[in-house]
């Protein structure tokens, strides 16, 4: 660990301690020095207060350290850092409660502790965010950098160099590249010099200050890995490997652990674990509220559908959803009852099968509102790729690469493709491109943005026939 890293680690511990002391001071002041804000009572003895504060200043940093949150982690995202901090805070808070109520001879003010818990978490997260921003600004100016040696001058090595140069806030400086081909030595890759061959690794590690080595070799050169690792085991540099398998990662790939065995996931859905729980809770809450709001509109439109033509009010159609499961989608009927007597076919502009009222319902997307019930049942989500009929899917999956990957998430009432104008008789290839972008970049915030754009104008579409 270099001197900059030791300094920033020590500074992080001191800042955490200062923030915890501030949070406790705020909680104590609100409780005992703000009679107009909270009912005043006799203050706790100072020795008891100082004992609790001392426990906090030792306990919380110790638990945070146990969770590895003081270790250097330049590529860890702020959300991962905040979630790790939240878990450490929960454990430390439970330990503090145990110490306070079971080991202390005199119980301390519960309201002070309650205020401290709320204040400390908010201040710790804000402090970590500010610290990260300041540190990133320092690194952009060329300080606190780690020198990186990239082993591999092929396409994979170029991608590593480009990624490091695009994220200068992480504080990585590419010192050089090693290659398999003698002819490349002395050339440059995106301004980075190729300083030697693979066999020169030992000499380069001995003559230069290298903090991290990133091995980016193609699959056919993986046999050289054993010799490279034997050399690197003699140094203190961090070693990372970028497997050439990244070219086969098609959806939400990453490293998983199974019984202590690392597994490289090449194709996976993004809505596993808490992500799936969060999205489902979001769907249930907002689809329930939307059904209440849209209820009167649905009731009026249902009466018009019934009065306008013979046949059922609602139209049930088989669609394919998540993991290829089939379900029946609900819509207000917009076509004549015998519309598909000759077989399934897509709607086209000026389709004679659509009733006059149905044309209005389609253009305003009101016919889609019954799908809120599909969302509540769990067949669909508020946001996701629009579901297709199995009869058309067989044709699409043969013609369009990666088409089936759109079924790694639940189908949606609206989606990224729809709010970008891709409805009706628009390019199916373009729609799949937008659907896969949504899946690969899913976040709850992206769902909120798509819903906001849908409400603001996405219901109306010139491509809805």
Protein backbone atom coordinates (compact mmCIF):
# COMPACT_ATOMS: atom_id res chain seq x y z
CA UNK A 1 0.00 0.00 0.00
CA UNK A 2 1.59 3.30 -1.05
CA UNK A 3 1.74 6.35 1.18
CA UNK A 4 -1.19 8.04 -0.56
CA UNK A 5 -3.36 4.98 -0.04
CA UNK A 6 -2.40 4.69 3.65
CA UNK A 7 -3.14 8.38 4.13
CA UNK A 8 -6.58 8.15 2.48
CA UNK A 9 -7.46 5.00 4.45
CA UNK A 10 -6.55 6.68 7.75
CA UNK A 11 -8.44 9.79 6.69
CA UNK A 12 -11.51 7.70 5.91
CA UNK A 13 -11.45 6.16 9.41
CA UNK A 14 -11.07 9.61 11.02
CA UNK A 15 -13.90 11.06 8.93
CA UNK A 16 -16.20 8.18 9.88
CA UNK A 17 -15.39 8.76 13.55
CA UNK A 18 -16.02 12.50 13.20
CA UNK A 19 -19.35 11.92 11.45
CA UNK A 20 -20.43 9.44 14.14
CA UNK A 21 -19.52 11.93 16.86
CA UNK A 22 -21.43 14.66 15.02
CA UNK A 23 -24.50 12.42 14.64
CA UNK A 24 -24.43 11.59 18.35
CA UNK A 25 -24.01 15.28 19.22
CA UNK A 26 -27.00 16.22 17.05
CA UNK A 27 -29.12 13.49 18.63
CA UNK A 28 -28.12 14.52 22.17
CA UNK A 29 -28.77 18.22 21.45
CA UNK A 30 -32.20 17.57 19.94
CA UNK A 31 -33.20 15.41 22.90
CA UNK A 32 -31.89 17.38 25.87
CA UNK A 33 -31.35 20.94 24.61
CA UNK A 34 -34.46 21.49 22.49
CA UNK A 35 -37.41 21.51 24.91
CA UNK A 36 -39.52 23.28 22.32
CA UNK A 37 -38.90 20.45 19.85
CA UNK A 38 -39.11 17.44 22.18
CA UNK A 39 -40.42 17.08 25.74
CA UNK A 40 -37.57 17.97 28.10
CA UNK A 41 -36.37 15.50 30.70
CA UNK A 42 -33.45 15.15 33.10
CA UNK A 43 -30.17 14.74 31.23
CA UNK A 44 -28.26 11.48 31.44
CA UNK A 45 -25.07 11.59 33.54
CA UNK A 46 -22.01 12.76 31.58
CA UNK A 47 -19.99 9.67 32.41
CA UNK A 48 -22.75 7.48 30.95
CA UNK A 49 -22.98 9.69 27.84
CA UNK A 50 -19.21 9.59 27.29
CA UNK A 51 -19.22 5.81 27.74
CA UNK A 52 -21.86 5.43 25.02
CA UNK A 53 -20.00 7.82 22.69
CA UNK A 54 -16.74 5.94 23.23
CA UNK A 55 -18.47 2.66 22.45
CA UNK A 56 -19.84 4.14 19.22
CA UNK A 57 -16.45 5.49 18.10
CA UNK A 58 -14.85 2.07 18.56
CA UNK A 59 -17.70 -0.23 17.56
CA UNK A 60 -18.84 1.31 14.26
CA UNK A 61 -15.39 1.73 12.63
CA UNK A 62 -14.49 -1.81 13.77
CA UNK A 63 -17.57 -3.30 12.08
CA UNK A 64 -17.05 -1.15 8.96
CA UNK A 65 -13.47 -2.45 8.84
CA UNK A 66 -14.71 -6.04 9.24
CA UNK A 67 -16.89 -5.54 6.16
CA UNK A 68 -13.82 -4.52 4.15
CA UNK A 69 -15.02 -0.97 3.56
CA UNK A 70 -11.65 0.58 4.38
CA UNK A 71 -9.80 -1.54 1.83
CA UNK A 72 -8.91 0.08 -1.52
CA UNK A 73 -11.69 -0.62 -4.03
CA UNK A 74 -11.39 1.82 -6.90
CA UNK A 75 -13.76 0.02 -9.23
CA UNK A 76 -16.47 -0.55 -6.61
CA UNK A 77 -19.57 1.49 -7.43
CA UNK A 78 -21.02 3.98 -4.96
CA UNK A 79 -24.22 1.90 -4.68
CA UNK A 80 -22.19 -1.17 -3.68
CA UNK A 81 -20.27 0.96 -1.19
CA UNK A 82 -23.48 2.44 0.25
CA UNK A 83 -25.16 -0.98 0.52
CA UNK A 84 -22.10 -2.42 2.26
CA UNK A 85 -22.09 0.55 4.62
CA UNK A 86 -25.79 -0.01 5.34
CA UNK A 87 -25.16 -3.67 6.25
CA UNK A 88 -22.25 -2.71 8.51
CA UNK A 89 -24.37 0.04 10.11
CA UNK A 90 -27.17 -2.47 10.84
CA UNK A 91 -24.79 -4.90 12.56
CA UNK A 92 -23.10 -2.13 14.55
CA UNK A 93 -26.46 -0.64 15.58
CA UNK A 94 -27.75 -3.99 16.83
CA UNK A 95 -24.51 -4.49 18.75
CA UNK A 96 -24.86 -1.01 20.29
CA UNK A 97 -28.42 -1.79 21.40
CA UNK A 98 -27.19 -5.01 22.99
CA UNK A 99 -24.38 -3.22 24.80
CA UNK A 100 -26.67 -0.40 25.94
CA UNK A 101 -29.60 -2.46 27.20
CA UNK A 102 -28.01 -5.66 28.40
CA UNK A 103 -24.53 -4.73 29.61
CA UNK A 104 -24.93 -1.15 30.85
CA UNK A 105 -26.07 -0.83 34.48
CA UNK A 106 -28.20 2.23 33.61
CA UNK A 107 -30.27 2.30 30.42
CA UNK A 108 -29.54 5.21 28.16
CA UNK A 109 -32.15 7.46 26.52
CA UNK A 110 -33.88 5.47 23.76
CA UNK A 111 -34.80 8.65 21.92
CA UNK A 112 -31.17 9.79 21.74
CA UNK A 113 -30.18 6.43 20.29
CA UNK A 114 -33.10 6.49 17.85
CA UNK A 115 -32.13 9.95 16.61
CA UNK A 116 -28.48 8.85 16.41
CA UNK A 117 -29.35 5.80 14.29
CA UNK A 118 -31.27 7.89 11.76
CA UNK A 119 -28.74 10.72 11.67
CA UNK A 120 -25.61 8.56 11.57
CA UNK A 121 -26.65 6.51 8.53
CA UNK A 122 -27.55 9.61 6.50
CA UNK A 123 -24.33 11.39 7.45
CA UNK A 124 -22.13 8.34 6.80
CA UNK A 125 -23.55 7.87 3.30
CA UNK A 126 -23.22 11.61 2.56
CA UNK A 127 -19.63 11.60 3.87
CA UNK A 128 -18.66 8.59 1.74
CA UNK A 129 -20.21 10.18 -1.37
CA UNK A 130 -18.37 13.46 -0.77
CA UNK A 131 -15.09 11.66 -0.04
CA UNK A 132 -15.42 9.66 -3.27
CA UNK A 133 -16.05 12.82 -5.32
CA UNK A 134 -13.07 14.63 -3.82
CA UNK A 135 -10.83 11.60 -4.34
CA UNK A 136 -11.93 11.29 -7.96
CA UNK A 137 -11.12 14.96 -8.56
CA UNK A 138 -7.66 14.45 -7.04
CA UNK A 139 -7.03 11.46 -9.30
CA UNK A 140 -8.13 13.33 -12.41
CA UNK A 141 -5.37 15.85 -11.63
CA UNK A 142 -2.74 13.11 -11.65
CA UNK A 143 -2.39 12.30 -7.92
CA UNK A 144 -2.92 9.00 -6.06
CA UNK A 145 -2.46 7.00 -9.27
CA UNK A 146 -1.74 3.29 -9.66
CA UNK A 147 0.64 2.23 -12.42
CA UNK A 148 -0.83 -0.58 -14.47
CA UNK A 149 0.95 -3.03 -16.78
CA UNK A 150 -1.31 -4.59 -19.43
CA UNK A 151 -0.21 -8.04 -20.59
CA UNK A 152 -1.65 -8.49 -24.09
CA UNK A 153 -1.60 -6.11 -27.05
CA UNK A 154 -4.49 -7.62 -29.00
CA UNK A 155 -8.12 -6.54 -29.19
CA UNK A 156 -8.75 -7.46 -25.55
CA UNK A 157 -5.73 -5.45 -24.39
CA UNK A 158 -6.90 -2.48 -26.44
CA UNK A 159 -10.30 -2.64 -24.75
CA UNK A 160 -8.64 -2.66 -21.31
CA UNK A 161 -6.52 0.39 -22.19
CA UNK A 162 -9.48 2.28 -23.63
CA UNK A 163 -11.60 1.52 -20.54
CA UNK A 164 -8.87 2.69 -18.14
CA UNK A 165 -8.35 5.88 -20.13
CA UNK A 166 -12.09 6.58 -20.24
CA UNK A 167 -12.29 6.37 -16.42
CA UNK A 168 -9.44 8.54 -15.23
CA UNK A 169 -11.34 9.27 -12.04
CA UNK A 170 -10.48 5.74 -10.87
CA UNK A 171 -6.80 6.68 -10.76
CA UNK A 172 -5.18 4.10 -13.06
CA UNK A 173 -2.21 5.04 -15.27
CA UNK A 174 -1.18 2.52 -17.94
CA UNK A 175 2.61 2.32 -17.71
CA UNK A 176 3.06 -0.03 -20.64
CA UNK A 177 1.94 -3.07 -22.58
CA UNK A 178 3.52 -6.48 -23.13
CA UNK A 179 2.95 -8.33 -26.38
CA UNK A 180 3.39 -11.79 -27.86
CA UNK A 181 4.74 -10.41 -31.14
CA UNK A 182 8.29 -8.99 -31.35
CA UNK A 183 7.29 -6.69 -34.23
CA UNK A 184 4.95 -4.71 -31.93
CA UNK A 185 7.65 -3.81 -29.39
CA UNK A 186 8.39 -0.09 -29.61
CA UNK A 187 4.97 0.80 -31.05
CA UNK A 188 2.07 2.43 -29.20
CA UNK A 189 -1.54 1.51 -28.46
CA UNK A 190 -3.71 4.57 -27.87
CA UNK A 191 -0.65 6.48 -26.73
CA UNK A 192 0.61 3.69 -24.43
CA UNK A 193 4.04 2.22 -25.33
CA UNK A 194 4.52 -1.49 -25.97
CA UNK A 195 7.57 -1.98 -23.75
CA UNK A 196 8.38 -5.65 -24.22
CA UNK A 197 7.35 -9.25 -24.81
CA UNK A 198 5.77 -11.69 -22.38
CA UNK A 199 9.19 -13.12 -21.57
CA UNK A 200 10.35 -9.70 -20.36
CA UNK A 201 7.85 -9.65 -17.50
CA UNK A 202 10.34 -10.47 -14.72
CA UNK A 203 12.81 -7.78 -15.79
CA UNK A 204 10.08 -5.16 -16.14
CA UNK A 205 8.59 -5.94 -12.72
CA UNK A 206 12.08 -5.60 -11.20
CA UNK A 207 12.95 -2.33 -12.94
CA UNK A 208 9.67 -0.42 -12.75
CA UNK A 209 7.11 0.45 -10.11
CA UNK A 210 4.05 -1.55 -11.14
CA UNK A 211 1.06 -1.51 -8.78
CA UNK A 212 -1.27 -3.69 -10.81
CA UNK A 213 -0.98 -6.15 -13.68
CA UNK A 214 -3.96 -6.81 -15.93
CA UNK A 215 -3.65 -9.96 -18.06
CA UNK A 216 -5.69 -9.66 -21.25
CA UNK A 217 -4.64 -12.57 -23.45
CA UNK A 218 -6.75 -14.33 -26.09
CA UNK A 219 -7.97 -17.87 -25.43
CA UNK A 220 -5.26 -19.45 -27.59
CA UNK A 221 -2.55 -17.87 -25.40
CA UNK A 222 -3.95 -18.96 -22.03
CA UNK A 223 -1.22 -21.63 -21.81
CA UNK A 224 1.23 -18.82 -21.00
CA UNK A 225 -0.75 -17.93 -17.87
CA UNK A 226 1.03 -20.42 -15.59
CA UNK A 227 4.46 -18.98 -16.38
CA UNK A 228 3.19 -15.40 -15.98
CA UNK A 229 1.67 -16.15 -12.58
CA UNK A 230 4.90 -17.82 -11.43
CA UNK A 231 6.75 -14.56 -12.17
CA UNK A 232 4.05 -12.34 -10.65
CA UNK A 233 4.00 -14.40 -7.42
CA UNK A 234 7.46 -12.92 -6.73
CA UNK A 235 6.04 -9.36 -6.65
CA UNK A 236 3.50 -7.51 -4.50
CA UNK A 237 1.53 -6.17 -7.47
CA UNK A 238 -2.21 -6.80 -7.67
CA UNK A 239 -3.06 -9.16 -10.52
CA UNK A 240 -6.32 -9.07 -12.50
CA UNK A 241 -7.35 -11.23 -15.44
CA UNK A 242 -9.78 -10.17 -18.16
CA UNK A 243 -10.93 -13.48 -19.66
CA UNK A 244 -11.33 -13.62 -23.42
CA UNK A 245 -14.76 -15.07 -22.70
CA UNK A 246 -16.13 -11.51 -22.47
CA UNK A 247 -16.86 -11.76 -26.20
CA UNK A 248 -19.43 -14.44 -25.37
CA UNK A 249 -21.14 -12.48 -22.60
CA UNK A 250 -24.56 -11.72 -24.03
CA UNK A 251 -26.64 -10.52 -21.09
CA UNK A 252 -25.90 -9.41 -17.53
CA UNK A 253 -22.76 -11.52 -17.29
CA UNK A 254 -20.53 -11.51 -14.24
CA UNK A 255 -18.66 -13.60 -11.70
CA UNK A 256 -20.65 -15.72 -9.27
CA UNK A 257 -19.60 -18.03 -6.45
CA UNK A 258 -20.79 -21.59 -5.94
CA UNK A 259 -19.48 -23.35 -2.85
CA UNK A 260 -16.28 -21.30 -2.98
CA UNK A 261 -15.85 -22.01 -6.69
CA UNK A 262 -15.88 -18.88 -8.92
CA UNK A 263 -18.19 -19.16 -11.92
CA UNK A 264 -18.17 -16.82 -14.90
CA UNK A 265 -21.77 -16.17 -15.91
CA UNK A 266 -22.07 -15.45 -19.63
CA UNK A 267 -25.83 -15.05 -19.89
CA UNK A 268 -28.08 -14.15 -17.01
CA UNK A 269 -31.15 -12.09 -16.19
CA UNK A 270 -30.73 -8.78 -14.31
CA UNK A 271 -33.67 -9.24 -11.96
CA UNK A 272 -32.27 -11.75 -9.50
CA UNK A 273 -32.47 -11.46 -5.70
CA UNK A 274 -33.30 -8.02 -4.33
CA UNK A 275 -33.62 -6.53 -7.81
CA UNK A 276 -36.52 -8.87 -8.54
CA UNK A 277 -38.15 -8.21 -5.17
CA UNK A 278 -37.84 -4.44 -5.63
CA UNK A 279 -39.30 -4.47 -9.13
CA UNK A 280 -42.19 -6.73 -8.08
CA UNK A 281 -43.02 -4.49 -5.10
CA UNK A 282 -42.88 -1.45 -7.41
CA UNK A 283 -45.26 -3.17 -9.86
CA UNK A 284 -47.78 -4.19 -7.21
CA UNK A 285 -47.94 -0.75 -5.58
CA UNK A 286 -48.23 1.29 -8.77
CA UNK A 287 -50.45 -1.09 -10.74
CA UNK A 288 -52.90 -1.14 -7.80
CA UNK A 289 -52.94 2.66 -7.69
CA UNK A 290 -53.28 2.87 -11.49
CA UNK A 291 -56.23 0.44 -11.47
CA UNK A 292 -58.03 2.65 -8.94
CA UNK A 293 -57.37 5.79 -11.01
CA UNK A 294 -58.19 4.15 -14.36
CA UNK A 295 -61.25 2.28 -13.05
CA UNK A 296 -63.85 4.90 -14.12
CA UNK A 297 -62.26 5.25 -17.59
CA UNK A 298 -62.27 1.46 -18.05
CA UNK A 299 -65.89 1.22 -16.94
CA UNK A 300 -67.06 3.89 -19.41
CA UNK A 301 -65.04 2.40 -22.29
CA UNK A 302 -66.34 -1.09 -21.47
CA UNK A 303 -69.93 0.20 -21.83
CA UNK A 304 -69.09 1.74 -25.22
CA UNK A 305 -67.41 -1.47 -26.42
CA UNK A 306 -70.48 -3.50 -25.44
CA UNK A 307 -72.87 -1.04 -27.05
CA UNK A 308 -70.80 -0.58 -30.21
CA UNK A 309 -70.66 -4.18 -31.46
CA UNK A 310 -71.62 -7.69 -30.50
CA UNK A 311 -69.04 -9.78 -28.69
CA UNK A 312 -67.13 -9.81 -25.39
CA UNK A 313 -65.86 -6.63 -23.75
CA UNK A 314 -62.40 -7.99 -23.08
CA UNK A 315 -60.12 -9.78 -25.50
CA UNK A 316 -57.83 -12.54 -24.21
CA UNK A 317 -54.82 -13.46 -26.31
CA UNK A 318 -51.96 -15.89 -25.67
CA UNK A 319 -48.55 -14.23 -25.34
CA UNK A 320 -45.09 -15.35 -24.28
CA UNK A 321 -43.61 -13.90 -21.12
CA UNK A 322 -40.60 -14.36 -18.86
CA UNK A 323 -38.58 -17.58 -19.40
CA UNK A 324 -40.85 -18.49 -22.31
CA UNK A 325 -43.93 -19.03 -20.14
CA UNK A 326 -47.28 -18.48 -21.85
CA UNK A 327 -50.05 -16.33 -20.38
CA UNK A 328 -53.24 -14.65 -21.56
CA UNK A 329 -52.99 -10.90 -22.00
CA UNK A 330 -56.10 -8.77 -21.38
CA UNK A 331 -57.21 -5.92 -23.63
CA UNK A 332 -60.42 -4.06 -24.36
CA UNK A 333 -61.76 -5.58 -27.56
CA UNK A 334 -61.03 -3.31 -30.55
CA UNK A 335 -61.84 -5.69 -33.45
CA UNK A 336 -64.84 -7.55 -34.74
CA UNK A 337 -65.46 -10.89 -32.96
CA UNK A 338 -64.57 -12.82 -36.17
CA UNK A 339 -61.37 -10.84 -36.81
CA UNK A 340 -59.10 -13.91 -36.73
CA UNK A 341 -61.36 -16.45 -38.35
CA UNK A 342 -58.75 -16.90 -41.09
CA UNK A 343 -55.84 -17.21 -38.63
CA UNK A 344 -53.50 -14.94 -36.69
CA UNK A 345 -52.20 -11.88 -38.49
CA UNK A 346 -50.68 -8.57 -37.46
CA UNK A 347 -52.65 -5.36 -37.60
CA UNK A 348 -51.87 -3.05 -40.52
CA UNK A 349 -52.73 0.60 -41.27
CA UNK A 350 -56.42 0.95 -42.13
CA UNK A 351 -57.16 -2.59 -40.91
CA UNK A 352 -60.83 -3.26 -41.73
CA UNK A 353 -61.16 -5.60 -38.75
CA UNK A 354 -60.81 -2.72 -36.27
CA UNK A 355 -64.05 -1.11 -35.11
CA UNK A 356 -64.41 2.73 -35.14
CA UNK A 357 -64.26 2.82 -31.34
CA UNK A 358 -61.38 0.33 -31.41
CA UNK A 359 -59.36 2.68 -33.59
CA UNK A 360 -59.70 5.41 -30.94
CA UNK A 361 -58.88 3.01 -28.11
CA UNK A 362 -55.75 1.81 -29.92
CA UNK A 363 -54.54 5.28 -30.82
CA UNK A 364 -54.85 6.40 -27.17
CA UNK A 365 -53.63 3.03 -25.77
CA UNK A 366 -56.73 2.84 -23.53
CA UNK A 367 -57.26 -0.72 -24.79
CA UNK A 368 -54.05 -1.69 -22.95
CA UNK A 369 -55.26 -0.57 -19.49
CA UNK A 370 -56.73 -4.01 -18.51
CA UNK A 371 -53.13 -5.27 -18.56
CA UNK A 372 -52.73 -3.61 -15.17
CA UNK A 373 -54.53 -6.71 -13.93
CA UNK A 374 -51.88 -8.87 -15.66
CA UNK A 375 -49.24 -6.88 -13.77
CA UNK A 376 -51.03 -7.36 -10.46
CA UNK A 377 -51.30 -11.11 -11.14
CA UNK A 378 -47.58 -11.32 -11.87
CA UNK A 379 -47.86 -12.23 -15.57
CA UNK A 380 -46.37 -8.90 -16.63
CA UNK A 381 -44.51 -5.85 -15.33
CA UNK A 382 -45.33 -2.18 -15.76
CA UNK A 383 -42.12 -1.77 -17.77
CA UNK A 384 -40.48 -4.33 -20.01
CA UNK A 385 -40.39 -5.65 -23.59
CA UNK A 386 -43.83 -5.87 -25.16
CA UNK A 387 -44.99 -9.52 -25.32
CA UNK A 388 -45.48 -11.21 -28.69
CA UNK A 389 -47.71 -14.08 -29.79
CA UNK A 390 -46.04 -17.52 -29.92
CA UNK A 391 -47.03 -17.95 -33.58
CA UNK A 392 -44.92 -14.91 -34.54
CA UNK A 393 -42.08 -15.63 -32.11
CA UNK A 394 -41.04 -18.79 -33.94
CA UNK A 395 -40.39 -16.72 -37.04
CA UNK A 396 -38.66 -13.88 -35.20
CA UNK A 397 -36.25 -16.10 -33.27
CA UNK A 398 -35.04 -17.69 -36.52
CA UNK A 399 -34.46 -14.35 -38.22
CA UNK A 400 -33.17 -12.12 -35.41
CA UNK A 401 -30.07 -12.99 -33.36
CA UNK A 402 -30.53 -12.81 -29.57
CA UNK A 403 -34.30 -12.37 -29.95
CA UNK A 404 -35.07 -14.92 -27.23
CA UNK A 405 -33.02 -12.97 -24.66
CA UNK A 406 -35.86 -10.46 -24.34
CA UNK A 407 -37.71 -13.19 -22.40
CA UNK A 408 -35.17 -13.01 -19.54
CA UNK A 409 -37.46 -10.42 -17.90
CA UNK A 410 -41.21 -10.03 -17.61
CA UNK A 411 -43.07 -8.46 -20.51
CA UNK A 412 -44.28 -4.92 -19.88
CA UNK A 413 -47.23 -2.65 -20.63
CA UNK A 414 -44.74 -0.08 -21.84
CA UNK A 415 -41.03 -0.22 -22.55
CA UNK A 416 -37.89 1.53 -23.73
CA UNK A 417 -38.70 0.76 -27.36
CA UNK A 418 -42.27 2.08 -27.07
CA UNK A 419 -41.33 5.45 -25.55
CA UNK A 420 -38.82 5.84 -28.39
CA UNK A 421 -41.57 5.52 -31.01
CA UNK A 422 -41.13 1.84 -31.89
CA UNK A 423 -44.74 0.63 -31.92
CA UNK A 424 -46.88 -1.09 -34.51
CA UNK A 425 -45.31 -1.71 -37.93
CA UNK A 426 -41.84 -0.45 -37.01
CA UNK A 427 -38.55 -2.30 -37.36
CA UNK A 428 -38.65 -5.45 -35.20
CA UNK A 429 -34.82 -5.54 -35.25
CA UNK A 430 -34.69 -2.01 -33.84
CA UNK A 431 -37.23 -2.92 -31.18
CA UNK A 432 -35.13 -5.90 -30.07
CA UNK A 433 -32.08 -3.63 -29.90
CA UNK A 434 -33.94 -1.26 -27.57
CA UNK A 435 -35.37 -4.15 -25.52
CA UNK A 436 -31.93 -5.66 -24.93
CA UNK A 437 -30.54 -2.24 -24.03
CA UNK A 438 -33.25 -1.97 -21.38
CA UNK A 439 -32.48 -5.42 -19.96
CA UNK A 440 -28.72 -4.85 -19.86
CA UNK A 441 -29.09 -1.42 -18.24
CA UNK A 442 -32.08 -2.06 -16.01
CA UNK A 443 -32.55 0.02 -12.88
CA UNK A 444 -35.59 1.12 -10.94
CA UNK A 445 -34.78 4.70 -11.96
CA UNK A 446 -34.91 3.68 -15.64
CA UNK A 447 -38.38 2.19 -15.02
CA UNK A 448 -39.50 5.46 -13.45
CA UNK A 449 -38.21 7.47 -16.42
CA UNK A 450 -39.97 5.19 -18.91
CA UNK A 451 -43.25 5.43 -17.00
CA UNK A 452 -42.93 9.22 -16.80
CA UNK A 453 -42.34 9.46 -20.56
CA UNK A 454 -45.29 7.12 -21.16
CA UNK A 455 -47.64 9.24 -19.06
CA UNK A 456 -46.31 12.47 -20.60
CA UNK A 457 -46.91 11.37 -24.19
CA UNK A 458 -46.22 7.73 -24.77
CA UNK A 459 -49.90 6.73 -24.70
CA UNK A 460 -50.45 8.47 -28.02
CA UNK A 461 -48.83 6.86 -31.06
CA UNK A 462 -49.28 7.27 -34.81
CA UNK A 463 -47.99 3.69 -35.19
CA UNK A 464 -50.81 2.09 -33.11
CA UNK A 465 -53.24 0.57 -35.62
